[in-house]
Amino acid sequence: FIVVICGEIMTMPGLPRVPAAESICLNDAGEIEGLF
């Protein structure tokens, strides 16, 4: 799907403006951080 966002329009009611996936990363030991 292609979603075009113009201005401050929310894509779906109830979801945060910043996706939780942006806080997930790998540390130097190869462990996943930011899931919970």
N, C-alpha and C. Protein backbone atom coordinates (compact mmCIF):
# COMPACT_ATOMS: atom_id res chain seq x y z
N PHE A 1 0.83 -1.18 0.00
CA PHE A 1 0.00 0.00 0.00
C PHE A 1 0.88 1.24 0.00
N ILE A 2 0.42 2.28 -0.63
CA ILE A 2 1.10 3.57 -0.59
C ILE A 2 0.18 4.53 0.14
N VAL A 3 0.69 5.15 1.21
CA VAL A 3 -0.09 6.10 1.99
C VAL A 3 0.60 7.45 1.91
N VAL A 4 -0.11 8.44 1.46
CA VAL A 4 0.42 9.80 1.38
C VAL A 4 -0.09 10.57 2.58
N ILE A 5 0.82 11.14 3.36
CA ILE A 5 0.45 11.90 4.55
C ILE A 5 0.70 13.38 4.26
N CYS A 6 -0.35 14.17 4.39
CA CYS A 6 -0.25 15.61 4.14
C CYS A 6 -0.51 16.36 5.44
N GLY A 7 0.49 17.04 5.95
CA GLY A 7 0.30 17.83 7.16
C GLY A 7 0.21 16.97 8.41
N GLU A 8 -0.74 17.29 9.28
CA GLU A 8 -0.88 16.62 10.57
C GLU A 8 -2.03 15.62 10.58
N ILE A 9 -2.33 14.99 9.46
CA ILE A 9 -3.41 14.02 9.38
C ILE A 9 -2.94 12.70 9.98
N MET A 10 -3.74 12.15 10.90
CA MET A 10 -3.42 10.84 11.47
C MET A 10 -3.86 9.76 10.49
N THR A 11 -3.05 8.73 10.30
CA THR A 11 -3.38 7.68 9.34
C THR A 11 -4.49 6.77 9.84
N MET A 12 -4.56 6.52 11.15
CA MET A 12 -5.61 5.67 11.69
C MET A 12 -5.91 6.13 13.12
N PRO A 13 -7.17 6.35 13.46
CA PRO A 13 -7.52 6.78 14.82
C PRO A 13 -7.07 5.76 15.86
N GLY A 14 -6.55 6.25 16.97
CA GLY A 14 -6.12 5.38 18.06
C GLY A 14 -4.66 5.01 18.03
N LEU A 15 -3.97 5.23 16.92
CA LEU A 15 -2.55 4.91 16.85
C LEU A 15 -1.72 6.13 17.20
N PRO A 16 -0.54 5.93 17.79
CA PRO A 16 0.32 7.07 18.11
C PRO A 16 0.90 7.69 16.85
N ARG A 17 1.36 8.93 16.96
CA ARG A 17 1.95 9.61 15.81
C ARG A 17 3.32 9.03 15.45
N VAL A 18 4.04 8.50 16.44
CA VAL A 18 5.36 7.90 16.21
C VAL A 18 5.24 6.39 16.36
N PRO A 19 5.56 5.61 15.35
CA PRO A 19 5.47 4.16 15.45
C PRO A 19 6.43 3.60 16.50
N ALA A 20 6.00 2.56 17.20
CA ALA A 20 6.84 1.93 18.22
C ALA A 20 8.09 1.31 17.60
N ALA A 21 8.03 0.98 16.32
CA ALA A 21 9.18 0.36 15.65
C ALA A 21 10.38 1.30 15.59
N GLU A 22 10.16 2.60 15.71
CA GLU A 22 11.29 3.54 15.67
C GLU A 22 12.17 3.44 16.90
N SER A 23 11.67 2.87 18.01
CA SER A 23 12.47 2.76 19.23
C SER A 23 13.17 1.41 19.34
N ILE A 24 12.98 0.51 18.39
CA ILE A 24 13.62 -0.81 18.43
C ILE A 24 14.98 -0.74 17.74
N CYS A 25 16.00 -1.30 18.41
CA CYS A 25 17.34 -1.29 17.82
C CYS A 25 18.13 -2.48 18.36
N LEU A 26 19.29 -2.72 17.77
CA LEU A 26 20.21 -3.75 18.24
C LEU A 26 21.36 -3.09 18.97
N ASN A 27 21.74 -3.65 20.13
CA ASN A 27 22.90 -3.11 20.84
C ASN A 27 24.17 -3.80 20.32
N ASP A 28 25.30 -3.46 20.91
CA ASP A 28 26.58 -4.00 20.45
C ASP A 28 26.69 -5.51 20.63
N ALA A 29 25.93 -6.07 21.60
CA ALA A 29 25.96 -7.51 21.84
C ALA A 29 25.02 -8.27 20.92
N GLY A 30 24.29 -7.56 20.05
CA GLY A 30 23.37 -8.21 19.13
C GLY A 30 22.00 -8.47 19.73
N GLU A 31 21.73 -7.88 20.91
CA GLU A 31 20.43 -8.07 21.56
C GLU A 31 19.46 -6.97 21.12
N ILE A 32 18.20 -7.34 21.01
CA ILE A 32 17.17 -6.39 20.61
C ILE A 32 16.75 -5.56 21.81
N GLU A 33 16.72 -4.24 21.65
CA GLU A 33 16.30 -3.33 22.72
C GLU A 33 15.10 -2.52 22.24
N GLY A 34 14.24 -2.13 23.18
CA GLY A 34 13.13 -1.25 22.87
C GLY A 34 11.82 -1.95 22.56
N LEU A 35 11.74 -3.26 22.81
CA LEU A 35 10.48 -3.96 22.53
C LEU A 35 9.42 -3.65 23.57
N PHE A 36 9.81 -3.55 24.85
CA PHE A 36 8.84 -3.31 25.91
C PHE A 36 9.25 -2.16 26.77
